[in-house]
Protein backbone atom coordinates (compact mmCIF):
# COMPACT_ATOMS: atom_id res chain seq x y z
CA MET A 1 0.00 0.00 0.00
CA ALA A 2 1.35 3.39 -0.99
CA VAL A 3 1.95 6.23 1.44
CA ASN A 4 -0.67 8.31 -0.37
CA ASP A 5 -3.31 5.70 0.46
CA THR A 6 -2.70 5.85 4.20
CA GLN A 7 -2.32 9.63 4.48
CA PRO A 8 -6.07 10.46 4.52
CA LEU A 9 -6.65 7.80 7.17
CA ILE A 10 -3.86 9.14 9.38
CA SER A 11 -5.16 12.69 9.01
CA HIS A 12 -8.64 11.50 9.92
CA LEU A 13 -7.39 9.71 13.04
CA ILE A 14 -5.46 12.79 14.14
CA GLU A 15 -8.57 14.92 13.63
CA LEU A 16 -10.67 12.51 15.70
CA ARG A 17 -8.08 12.58 18.49
CA LYS A 18 -8.03 16.38 18.48
CA ARG A 19 -11.83 16.51 18.71
CA LEU A 20 -11.74 14.05 21.60
CA MET A 21 -9.15 16.13 23.44
CA TYR A 22 -11.13 19.33 22.84
CA SER A 23 -14.28 17.72 24.21
CA LEU A 24 -12.38 16.63 27.31
CA ILE A 25 -10.93 20.12 27.75
CA PHE A 26 -14.28 21.88 27.48
CA SER A 27 -16.31 19.32 29.47
CA SER A 28 -14.01 19.17 32.49
CA SER A 29 -11.91 22.09 33.69
CA GLY A 30 -9.91 19.67 35.85
CA PHE A 31 -8.48 18.06 32.73
CA SER A 32 -7.83 21.32 30.89
CA GLY A 33 -4.16 21.57 31.87
CA PHE A 34 -3.40 17.96 31.00
CA GLY A 35 -5.52 18.13 27.86
CA LEU A 36 -3.71 21.16 26.47
CA PHE A 37 -0.36 19.61 27.38
CA PHE A 38 -1.21 16.34 25.62
CA LEU A 39 -2.64 18.16 22.61
CA THR A 40 0.51 20.25 22.23
CA ILE A 41 2.69 17.13 22.40
CA SER A 42 0.62 15.19 19.87
CA ILE A 43 0.71 18.05 17.35
CA ASN A 44 4.47 18.58 17.59
């Protein structure tokens, strides 16, 4: 399987993970610090 075939899937998974982290951040202020920290790490 070529790299171009897997790229959309990887991008989709990253997008889902970001949405999950955002929902955790906004739903619980207790997780906001950890959520932002994890989100920053996963992007970089």
